[in-house]
Amino acid sequence: MEKSIQKLLDKLGKKGFDTEKKVNAIDMQAAFDSGLTDELGGILALQKAIKSHSTYAFIMGGTDVKPAKKTKEEAKDADDGRTEGSEIHTETYENAGY
């Protein structure tokens, strides 16, 4: 854990912000009143992590790998089950060789 995150969490805990609900309730006025103006950037980052359910990653300084976005063409091919270069072949009664 980064020392800056540890210091932030220690300060928040000492000031009574010891739950996620209380941390999310911190606004600029509450930070000022509590003497936490220097920690606003860290507080905002922590609030964002809480809202995105990634608090543990925030504390540990980790991130999850995001899957690469597919192009529209790749997404279309994935939706109909085809792979690149494959075609759908259909026969009708007239050309089926009967």
C-alpha atoms as a PDB file:
ATOM      1  CA  MET A   1       0.000   0.000   0.000  1.00  0.00           C
ATOM      2  CA  GLU A   2       1.292   3.437  -0.861  1.00  0.00           C
ATOM      3  CA  LYS A   3       2.204   5.623   2.090  1.00  0.00           C
ATOM      4  CA  SER A   4       0.084   8.499   0.768  1.00  0.00           C
ATOM      5  CA  ILE A   5      -3.004   6.275   0.742  1.00  0.00           C
ATOM      6  CA  GLN A   6      -2.207   5.021   4.233  1.00  0.00           C
ATOM      7  CA  LYS A   7      -1.870   8.607   5.483  1.00  0.00           C
ATOM      8  CA  LEU A   8      -5.137   9.577   3.820  1.00  0.00           C
ATOM      9  CA  LEU A   9      -7.001   6.659   5.384  1.00  0.00           C
ATOM     10  CA  ASP A  10      -5.457   7.368   8.797  1.00  0.00           C
ATOM     11  CA  LYS A  11      -6.481  11.052   8.638  1.00  0.00           C
ATOM     12  CA  LEU A  12     -10.000  10.201   7.522  1.00  0.00           C
ATOM     13  CA  GLY A  13     -10.374   7.653  10.315  1.00  0.00           C
ATOM     14  CA  LYS A  14      -9.128  10.065  12.959  1.00  0.00           C
ATOM     15  CA  LYS A  15     -11.604  12.699  11.754  1.00  0.00           C
ATOM     16  CA  GLY A  16     -14.498  10.233  12.058  1.00  0.00           C
ATOM     17  CA  PHE A  17     -14.851   9.247   8.411  1.00  0.00           C
ATOM     18  CA  ASP A  18     -14.624   5.535   9.071  1.00  0.00           C
ATOM     19  CA  THR A  19     -17.230   4.096   6.687  1.00  0.00           C
ATOM     20  CA  GLU A  20     -17.751   4.285   2.959  1.00  0.00           C
ATOM     21  CA  LYS A  21     -21.040   6.125   3.496  1.00  0.00           C
ATOM     22  CA  LYS A  22     -19.299   8.808   5.568  1.00  0.00           C
ATOM     23  CA  VAL A  23     -16.465   9.159   3.040  1.00  0.00           C
ATOM     24  CA  ASN A  24     -18.959   9.549   0.185  1.00  0.00           C
ATOM     25  CA  ALA A  25     -20.719  12.296   2.186  1.00  0.00           C
ATOM     26  CA  ILE A  26     -17.571  14.455   2.303  1.00  0.00           C
ATOM     27  CA  ASP A  27     -17.975  17.582   0.213  1.00  0.00           C
ATOM     28  CA  MET A  28     -15.684  20.594  -0.099  1.00  0.00           C
ATOM     29  CA  GLN A  29     -17.225  22.309   2.925  1.00  0.00           C
ATOM     30  CA  ALA A  30     -16.959  19.194   5.089  1.00  0.00           C
ATOM     31  CA  ALA A  31     -13.332  18.724   4.010  1.00  0.00           C
ATOM     32  CA  PHE A  32     -12.565  22.354   4.857  1.00  0.00           C
ATOM     33  CA  ASP A  33     -14.336  22.168   8.218  1.00  0.00           C
ATOM     34  CA  SER A  34     -12.451  18.963   9.093  1.00  0.00           C
ATOM     35  CA  GLY A  35      -9.049  20.322   8.079  1.00  0.00           C
ATOM     36  CA  LEU A  36      -8.773  17.971   5.108  1.00  0.00           C
ATOM     37  CA  THR A  37      -8.329  20.517   2.309  1.00  0.00           C
ATOM     38  CA  ASP A  38      -4.887  19.155   1.410  1.00  0.00           C
ATOM     39  CA  GLU A  39      -6.400  15.703   0.944  1.00  0.00           C
ATOM     40  CA  LEU A  40      -9.190  16.693  -1.480  1.00  0.00           C
ATOM     41  CA  GLY A  41      -7.579  14.928  -4.440  1.00  0.00           C
ATOM     42  CA  GLY A  42      -7.197  11.718  -2.487  1.00  0.00           C
ATOM     43  CA  ILE A  43     -10.727  11.985  -1.098  1.00  0.00           C
ATOM     44  CA  LEU A  44     -12.175  12.418  -4.577  1.00  0.00           C
ATOM     45  CA  ALA A  45     -10.180   9.411  -5.849  1.00  0.00           C
ATOM     46  CA  LEU A  46     -11.393   7.325  -2.897  1.00  0.00           C
ATOM     47  CA  GLN A  47     -15.002   8.385  -3.482  1.00  0.00           C
ATOM     48  CA  LYS A  48     -14.696   7.398  -7.146  1.00  0.00           C
ATOM     49  CA  ALA A  49     -13.257   4.010  -6.157  1.00  0.00           C
ATOM     50  CA  ILE A  50     -16.083   3.422  -3.687  1.00  0.00           C
ATOM     51  CA  LYS A  51     -18.731   4.273  -6.278  1.00  0.00           C
ATOM     52  CA  SER A  52     -17.146   1.962  -8.867  1.00  0.00           C
ATOM     53  CA  HIS A  53     -16.802  -0.871  -6.303  1.00  0.00           C
ATOM     54  CA  SER A  54     -13.010  -0.899  -6.609  1.00  0.00           C
ATOM     55  CA  THR A  55     -12.039   0.201  -3.092  1.00  0.00           C
ATOM     56  CA  TYR A  56      -9.605  -2.682  -2.604  1.00  0.00           C
ATOM     57  CA  ALA A  57      -7.845  -1.860  -5.894  1.00  0.00           C
ATOM     58  CA  PHE A  58      -7.601   1.780  -4.776  1.00  0.00           C
ATOM     59  CA  ILE A  59      -6.057   0.810  -1.452  1.00  0.00           C
ATOM     60  CA  MET A  60      -3.620  -1.633  -3.018  1.00  0.00           C
ATOM     61  CA  GLY A  61      -2.793   0.603  -5.997  1.00  0.00           C
ATOM     62  CA  GLY A  62      -3.945  -2.043  -8.476  1.00  0.00           C
ATOM     63  CA  THR A  63      -6.000  -1.955 -11.634  1.00  0.00           C
ATOM     64  CA  ASP A  64      -7.863  -4.587 -13.624  1.00  0.00           C
ATOM     65  CA  VAL A  65      -7.045  -5.126 -17.269  1.00  0.00           C
ATOM     66  CA  LYS A  66      -9.929  -3.951 -19.397  1.00  0.00           C
ATOM     67  CA  PRO A  67     -10.803  -6.068 -22.442  1.00  0.00           C
ATOM     68  CA  ALA A  68     -10.054  -4.479 -25.788  1.00  0.00           C
ATOM     69  CA  LYS A  69     -13.056  -2.902 -27.440  1.00  0.00           C
ATOM     70  CA  LYS A  70     -14.276  -4.637 -30.573  1.00  0.00           C
ATOM     71  CA  THR A  71     -14.814  -2.769 -33.794  1.00  0.00           C
ATOM     72  CA  LYS A  72     -18.350  -2.658 -35.148  1.00  0.00           C
ATOM     73  CA  GLU A  73     -17.448  -5.311 -37.736  1.00  0.00           C
ATOM     74  CA  GLU A  74     -15.994  -7.663 -35.099  1.00  0.00           C
ATOM     75  CA  ALA A  75     -19.056  -7.184 -32.918  1.00  0.00           C
ATOM     76  CA  LYS A  76     -21.353  -7.922 -35.873  1.00  0.00           C
ATOM     77  CA  ASP A  77     -19.451 -11.115 -36.708  1.00  0.00           C
ATOM     78  CA  ALA A  78     -19.559 -12.215 -33.063  1.00  0.00           C
ATOM     79  CA  ASP A  79     -23.318 -11.621 -32.907  1.00  0.00           C
ATOM     80  CA  ASP A  80     -24.121 -13.897 -35.845  1.00  0.00           C
ATOM     81  CA  GLY A  81     -21.541 -16.558 -34.917  1.00  0.00           C
ATOM     82  CA  ARG A  82     -19.504 -16.189 -38.086  1.00  0.00           C
ATOM     83  CA  THR A  83     -15.783 -15.811 -38.258  1.00  0.00           C
ATOM     84  CA  GLU A  84     -13.855 -13.718 -40.727  1.00  0.00           C
ATOM     85  CA  GLY A  85     -14.141 -15.133 -44.237  1.00  0.00           C
ATOM     86  CA  SER A  86     -17.039 -17.463 -43.457  1.00  0.00           C
ATOM     87  CA  GLU A  87     -20.261 -17.154 -45.369  1.00  0.00           C
ATOM     88  CA  ILE A  88     -23.746 -18.441 -44.802  1.00  0.00           C
ATOM     89  CA  HIS A  89     -24.861 -20.850 -47.534  1.00  0.00           C
ATOM     90  CA  THR A  90     -28.489 -21.681 -48.056  1.00  0.00           C
ATOM     91  CA  GLU A  91     -30.186 -23.808 -50.670  1.00  0.00           C
ATOM     92  CA  THR A  92     -33.699 -23.490 -51.882  1.00  0.00           C
ATOM     93  CA  TYR A  93     -35.913 -26.218 -53.214  1.00  0.00           C
ATOM     94  CA  GLU A  94     -35.370 -25.022 -56.805  1.00  0.00           C
ATOM     95  CA  ASN A  95     -31.567 -25.411 -56.822  1.00  0.00           C
ATOM     96  CA  ALA A  96     -31.208 -28.325 -54.399  1.00  0.00           C
ATOM     97  CA  GLY A  97     -30.771 -30.856 -57.215  1.00  0.00           C
ATOM     98  CA  TYR A  98     -34.188 -32.508 -57.159  1.00  0.00           C
END
